[in-house]
N, C-alpha and C. Protein backbone atom coordinates (compact mmCIF):
# COMPACT_ATOMS: atom_id res chain seq x y z
N UNK A 1 10.21 3.73 -2.25
CA UNK A 1 9.75 4.41 -3.43
C UNK A 1 9.19 5.77 -3.02
N UNK A 2 9.48 6.75 -3.81
CA UNK A 2 9.12 8.13 -3.49
C UNK A 2 8.35 8.74 -4.65
N UNK A 3 7.13 9.19 -4.39
CA UNK A 3 6.27 9.85 -5.38
C UNK A 3 5.93 8.95 -6.57
N UNK A 4 5.97 7.64 -6.37
CA UNK A 4 5.63 6.68 -7.43
C UNK A 4 4.17 6.29 -7.25
N UNK A 5 3.32 6.56 -8.22
CA UNK A 5 1.90 6.28 -8.09
C UNK A 5 1.53 4.83 -8.43
N UNK A 6 2.44 4.12 -9.08
CA UNK A 6 2.24 2.70 -9.38
C UNK A 6 3.55 1.96 -9.10
N UNK A 7 3.94 1.87 -7.83
CA UNK A 7 5.24 1.28 -7.52
C UNK A 7 5.36 -0.18 -7.94
N UNK A 8 6.48 -0.50 -8.56
CA UNK A 8 6.79 -1.87 -8.97
C UNK A 8 7.42 -2.56 -7.76
N UNK A 9 6.60 -3.22 -6.98
CA UNK A 9 7.02 -3.76 -5.69
C UNK A 9 8.25 -4.65 -5.80
N UNK A 10 8.25 -5.63 -6.69
CA UNK A 10 9.39 -6.54 -6.76
C UNK A 10 10.65 -5.90 -7.34
N UNK A 11 10.51 -4.73 -7.95
CA UNK A 11 11.69 -4.03 -8.46
C UNK A 11 12.49 -3.41 -7.32
N UNK A 12 11.89 -3.31 -6.14
CA UNK A 12 12.57 -2.71 -4.99
C UNK A 12 13.32 -3.74 -4.15
N UNK A 13 13.45 -4.94 -4.64
CA UNK A 13 14.19 -5.97 -3.92
C UNK A 13 13.28 -7.09 -3.45
N UNK A 14 13.85 -8.04 -2.76
CA UNK A 14 13.10 -9.23 -2.36
C UNK A 14 12.46 -9.09 -0.98
N UNK A 15 12.56 -7.94 -0.37
CA UNK A 15 11.97 -7.71 0.94
C UNK A 15 10.45 -7.76 0.84
N UNK A 16 9.81 -7.99 1.96
CA UNK A 16 8.36 -7.93 2.02
C UNK A 16 7.90 -6.72 2.81
N UNK A 17 8.87 -5.88 3.20
CA UNK A 17 8.58 -4.64 3.92
C UNK A 17 9.24 -3.51 3.15
N UNK A 18 8.44 -2.49 2.84
CA UNK A 18 8.92 -1.36 2.05
C UNK A 18 8.57 -0.07 2.77
N UNK A 19 9.33 0.98 2.50
CA UNK A 19 9.04 2.28 3.08
C UNK A 19 8.97 3.31 1.96
N UNK A 20 7.91 4.10 2.00
CA UNK A 20 7.77 5.15 1.01
C UNK A 20 8.67 6.31 1.37
N UNK A 21 8.89 7.19 0.42
CA UNK A 21 9.61 8.43 0.71
C UNK A 21 8.68 9.40 1.41
N UNK A 22 9.21 10.55 1.75
CA UNK A 22 8.43 11.57 2.45
C UNK A 22 7.54 12.37 1.51
N UNK A 23 7.81 12.31 0.21
CA UNK A 23 7.01 13.05 -0.75
C UNK A 23 5.64 12.39 -0.90
N UNK A 24 4.58 13.18 -0.75
CA UNK A 24 3.24 12.65 -0.86
C UNK A 24 2.94 12.14 -2.25
N UNK A 25 2.11 11.12 -2.33
CA UNK A 25 1.71 10.54 -3.61
C UNK A 25 0.38 9.84 -3.43
N UNK A 26 -0.33 9.66 -4.53
CA UNK A 26 -1.55 8.86 -4.52
C UNK A 26 -1.25 7.58 -5.30
N UNK A 27 -1.26 6.47 -4.59
CA UNK A 27 -0.96 5.18 -5.20
C UNK A 27 -2.26 4.59 -5.74
N UNK A 28 -2.24 4.25 -7.02
CA UNK A 28 -3.44 3.72 -7.67
C UNK A 28 -3.38 2.21 -7.90
N UNK A 29 -2.18 1.65 -7.92
CA UNK A 29 -2.01 0.20 -8.04
C UNK A 29 -0.57 -0.16 -7.77
N UNK A 30 -0.33 -1.45 -7.56
CA UNK A 30 1.03 -1.95 -7.39
C UNK A 30 1.39 -2.75 -8.62
N UNK A 31 2.54 -2.46 -9.20
CA UNK A 31 3.03 -3.19 -10.37
C UNK A 31 4.04 -4.24 -9.94
N UNK A 32 4.27 -5.20 -10.83
CA UNK A 32 5.26 -6.25 -10.63
C UNK A 32 5.07 -7.00 -9.31
N UNK A 33 3.87 -7.51 -9.13
CA UNK A 33 3.57 -8.36 -7.98
C UNK A 33 3.05 -9.70 -8.50
N UNK A 34 2.99 -10.68 -7.64
CA UNK A 34 2.46 -11.98 -8.05
C UNK A 34 1.25 -12.34 -7.18
N UNK A 35 0.38 -13.15 -7.72
CA UNK A 35 -0.81 -13.58 -6.97
C UNK A 35 -0.38 -14.28 -5.69
N UNK A 36 -0.99 -13.90 -4.58
CA UNK A 36 -0.65 -14.47 -3.29
C UNK A 36 0.44 -13.72 -2.56
N UNK A 37 1.06 -12.77 -3.22
CA UNK A 37 2.13 -12.00 -2.57
C UNK A 37 1.55 -11.11 -1.48
N UNK A 38 2.22 -11.10 -0.34
CA UNK A 38 1.81 -10.28 0.80
C UNK A 38 2.98 -9.36 1.13
N UNK A 39 2.69 -8.09 1.34
CA UNK A 39 3.76 -7.14 1.66
C UNK A 39 3.24 -6.02 2.54
N UNK A 40 4.16 -5.39 3.24
CA UNK A 40 3.87 -4.32 4.18
C UNK A 40 4.53 -3.05 3.71
N UNK A 41 3.82 -1.93 3.85
CA UNK A 41 4.37 -0.64 3.47
C UNK A 41 4.31 0.31 4.67
N UNK A 42 5.45 0.86 5.03
CA UNK A 42 5.54 1.88 6.08
C UNK A 42 5.59 3.23 5.39
N UNK A 43 4.66 4.09 5.73
CA UNK A 43 4.59 5.41 5.09
C UNK A 43 5.66 6.34 5.65
N UNK A 44 6.39 6.96 4.74
CA UNK A 44 7.39 7.95 5.13
C UNK A 44 6.81 9.36 5.15
N UNK A 45 5.59 9.50 4.65
CA UNK A 45 4.92 10.79 4.58
C UNK A 45 3.46 10.58 4.24
N UNK A 46 2.82 11.62 3.75
CA UNK A 46 1.39 11.55 3.41
C UNK A 46 1.19 10.76 2.12
N UNK A 47 0.71 9.55 2.26
CA UNK A 47 0.45 8.68 1.11
C UNK A 47 -1.04 8.38 1.06
N UNK A 48 -1.63 8.51 -0.11
CA UNK A 48 -3.04 8.18 -0.30
C UNK A 48 -3.12 6.91 -1.14
N UNK A 49 -3.93 5.96 -0.68
CA UNK A 49 -4.18 4.74 -1.45
C UNK A 49 -5.57 4.90 -2.08
N UNK A 50 -5.62 4.93 -3.39
CA UNK A 50 -6.86 5.16 -4.12
C UNK A 50 -7.65 3.86 -4.20
N UNK A 51 -8.56 3.67 -3.25
CA UNK A 51 -9.37 2.45 -3.21
C UNK A 51 -10.77 2.68 -3.76
N UNK A 52 -11.02 3.86 -4.34
CA UNK A 52 -12.37 4.16 -4.81
C UNK A 52 -12.49 4.35 -6.32
N UNK A 53 -11.44 4.81 -6.98
CA UNK A 53 -11.55 5.15 -8.40
C UNK A 53 -11.39 3.96 -9.33
N UNK A 54 -10.78 2.91 -8.86
CA UNK A 54 -10.58 1.75 -9.73
C UNK A 54 -10.64 0.47 -8.90
N UNK A 55 -10.53 -0.64 -9.55
CA UNK A 55 -10.61 -1.93 -8.85
C UNK A 55 -9.25 -2.55 -8.62
N UNK A 56 -8.19 -1.77 -8.65
CA UNK A 56 -6.83 -2.31 -8.46
C UNK A 56 -6.46 -2.42 -6.99
N UNK A 57 -6.96 -1.50 -6.15
CA UNK A 57 -6.73 -1.55 -4.71
C UNK A 57 -8.09 -1.66 -4.04
N UNK A 58 -8.27 -2.72 -3.26
CA UNK A 58 -9.56 -3.00 -2.64
C UNK A 58 -9.37 -3.02 -1.13
N UNK A 59 -10.31 -2.38 -0.40
CA UNK A 59 -10.21 -2.47 1.04
C UNK A 59 -10.92 -1.38 1.81
N UNK A 60 -11.49 -0.41 1.12
CA UNK A 60 -12.18 0.66 1.82
C UNK A 60 -13.15 1.34 0.86
N UNK A 61 -14.23 1.88 1.43
CA UNK A 61 -15.20 2.61 0.62
C UNK A 61 -14.75 4.06 0.40
N UNK A 62 -13.69 4.46 1.09
CA UNK A 62 -13.09 5.78 0.90
C UNK A 62 -11.59 5.59 0.71
N UNK A 63 -10.93 6.54 0.07
CA UNK A 63 -9.48 6.46 -0.08
C UNK A 63 -8.82 6.46 1.29
N UNK A 64 -7.72 5.76 1.41
CA UNK A 64 -7.00 5.66 2.67
C UNK A 64 -5.83 6.64 2.63
N UNK A 65 -5.80 7.54 3.59
CA UNK A 65 -4.71 8.51 3.68
C UNK A 65 -3.86 8.18 4.90
N UNK A 66 -2.57 8.01 4.66
CA UNK A 66 -1.65 7.67 5.75
C UNK A 66 -0.73 8.85 6.02
N UNK A 67 -0.08 8.80 7.17
CA UNK A 67 0.92 9.79 7.56
C UNK A 67 2.22 9.06 7.88
N UNK A 68 3.26 9.80 8.11
CA UNK A 68 4.56 9.20 8.43
C UNK A 68 4.42 8.22 9.59
N UNK A 69 4.90 7.00 9.38
CA UNK A 69 4.88 5.97 10.41
C UNK A 69 3.70 5.03 10.32
N UNK A 70 2.64 5.40 9.61
CA UNK A 70 1.49 4.51 9.45
C UNK A 70 1.89 3.29 8.62
N UNK A 71 1.18 2.20 8.83
CA UNK A 71 1.53 0.94 8.17
C UNK A 71 0.31 0.35 7.47
N UNK A 72 0.50 -0.08 6.24
CA UNK A 72 -0.53 -0.84 5.53
C UNK A 72 0.05 -2.18 5.12
N UNK A 73 -0.80 -3.18 5.09
CA UNK A 73 -0.38 -4.51 4.65
C UNK A 73 -1.35 -4.96 3.56
N UNK A 74 -0.80 -5.51 2.51
CA UNK A 74 -1.58 -5.87 1.32
C UNK A 74 -1.32 -7.31 0.91
N UNK A 75 -2.33 -7.94 0.28
CA UNK A 75 -2.16 -9.24 -0.36
C UNK A 75 -2.79 -9.14 -1.75
N UNK A 76 -2.14 -9.75 -2.72
CA UNK A 76 -2.59 -9.61 -4.11
C UNK A 76 -3.38 -10.83 -4.57
N UNK A 77 -4.54 -10.55 -5.14
CA UNK A 77 -5.38 -11.60 -5.74
C UNK A 77 -4.87 -11.94 -7.13
N UNK A 78 -4.56 -10.89 -7.88
CA UNK A 78 -4.13 -11.03 -9.27
C UNK A 78 -2.77 -10.37 -9.41
N UNK A 79 -1.82 -11.09 -9.92
CA UNK A 79 -0.49 -10.53 -10.13
C UNK A 79 -0.36 -9.96 -11.53
N UNK A 80 0.75 -9.32 -11.75
CA UNK A 80 1.00 -8.80 -13.08
C UNK A 80 1.92 -7.60 -13.04
N UNK A 81 2.36 -7.23 -14.23
CA UNK A 81 3.26 -6.09 -14.31
C UNK A 81 2.49 -4.78 -14.31
N UNK A 82 1.26 -4.78 -14.83
CA UNK A 82 0.48 -3.54 -14.85
C UNK A 82 -1.01 -3.74 -14.58
N UNK A 83 -1.43 -4.92 -14.21
CA UNK A 83 -2.87 -5.16 -14.02
C UNK A 83 -3.16 -5.92 -12.73
N UNK A 84 -2.40 -5.65 -11.70
CA UNK A 84 -2.58 -6.37 -10.45
C UNK A 84 -3.83 -5.90 -9.71
N UNK A 85 -4.32 -6.76 -8.82
CA UNK A 85 -5.41 -6.43 -7.92
C UNK A 85 -4.96 -6.83 -6.52
N UNK A 86 -4.89 -5.85 -5.62
CA UNK A 86 -4.41 -6.12 -4.26
C UNK A 86 -5.44 -5.67 -3.24
N UNK A 87 -5.53 -6.42 -2.15
CA UNK A 87 -6.50 -6.15 -1.08
C UNK A 87 -5.79 -5.70 0.19
N UNK A 88 -6.37 -4.71 0.84
CA UNK A 88 -5.85 -4.24 2.12
C UNK A 88 -6.16 -5.28 3.19
N UNK A 89 -5.13 -5.70 3.91
CA UNK A 89 -5.30 -6.68 4.98
C UNK A 89 -5.33 -5.96 6.33
N UNK A 90 -4.50 -4.94 6.46
CA UNK A 90 -4.38 -4.26 7.75
C UNK A 90 -3.92 -2.82 7.54
N UNK A 91 -4.40 -1.92 8.39
CA UNK A 91 -3.97 -0.52 8.38
C UNK A 91 -3.76 -0.10 9.83
N UNK A 92 -2.55 0.33 10.16
CA UNK A 92 -2.24 0.82 11.50
C UNK A 92 -1.98 2.31 11.42
N UNK A 93 -2.81 3.07 12.12
CA UNK A 93 -2.69 4.53 12.20
C UNK A 93 -1.96 4.83 13.51
N UNK A 94 -0.71 5.28 13.42
CA UNK A 94 0.09 5.47 14.62
C UNK A 94 -0.31 6.72 15.42
N UNK A 95 -1.24 7.53 14.88
CA UNK A 95 -1.66 8.73 15.61
C UNK A 95 -2.79 8.45 16.59
N UNK A 96 -3.31 7.21 16.60
CA UNK A 96 -4.40 6.88 17.51
C UNK A 96 -3.93 5.86 18.53
N UNK A 97 -4.71 5.70 19.59
CA UNK A 97 -4.40 4.74 20.65
C UNK A 97 -4.70 3.33 20.16
N UNK A 98 -3.66 2.54 19.95
CA UNK A 98 -3.82 1.16 19.50
C UNK A 98 -3.60 0.17 20.63
N UNK A 99 -3.65 0.65 21.89
CA UNK A 99 -3.34 -0.23 23.03
C UNK A 99 -4.37 -1.35 23.22
N UNK A 100 -5.56 -1.17 22.66
CA UNK A 100 -6.59 -2.19 22.77
C UNK A 100 -6.50 -3.24 21.70
N UNK A 101 -5.49 -3.15 20.86
CA UNK A 101 -5.34 -4.10 19.76
C UNK A 101 -5.75 -3.48 18.45
N UNK A 102 -5.39 -4.15 17.40
CA UNK A 102 -5.68 -3.63 16.06
C UNK A 102 -6.85 -4.38 15.49
């Protein structure tokens, strides 16, 4: 998905791994997910996850900004087509030394 601020995760196929486009975007929520769904997103460019302005994305006291190659993993508490609530499980920043583990 490219420049989509509310990507419909299940509309992109049955995969559990997705890659954003290179165009920067601020994602405010994930649409078309189900409760308990877990998925991974590989950033293709500068993507911001808005974890401060609303209660749809939970996982940080500040917005999360990723760069190309960074990885986030999410699990959803509440599913829905437009009212999902998803929690950040993991964030890998490929620009830092991760040799000591994540």
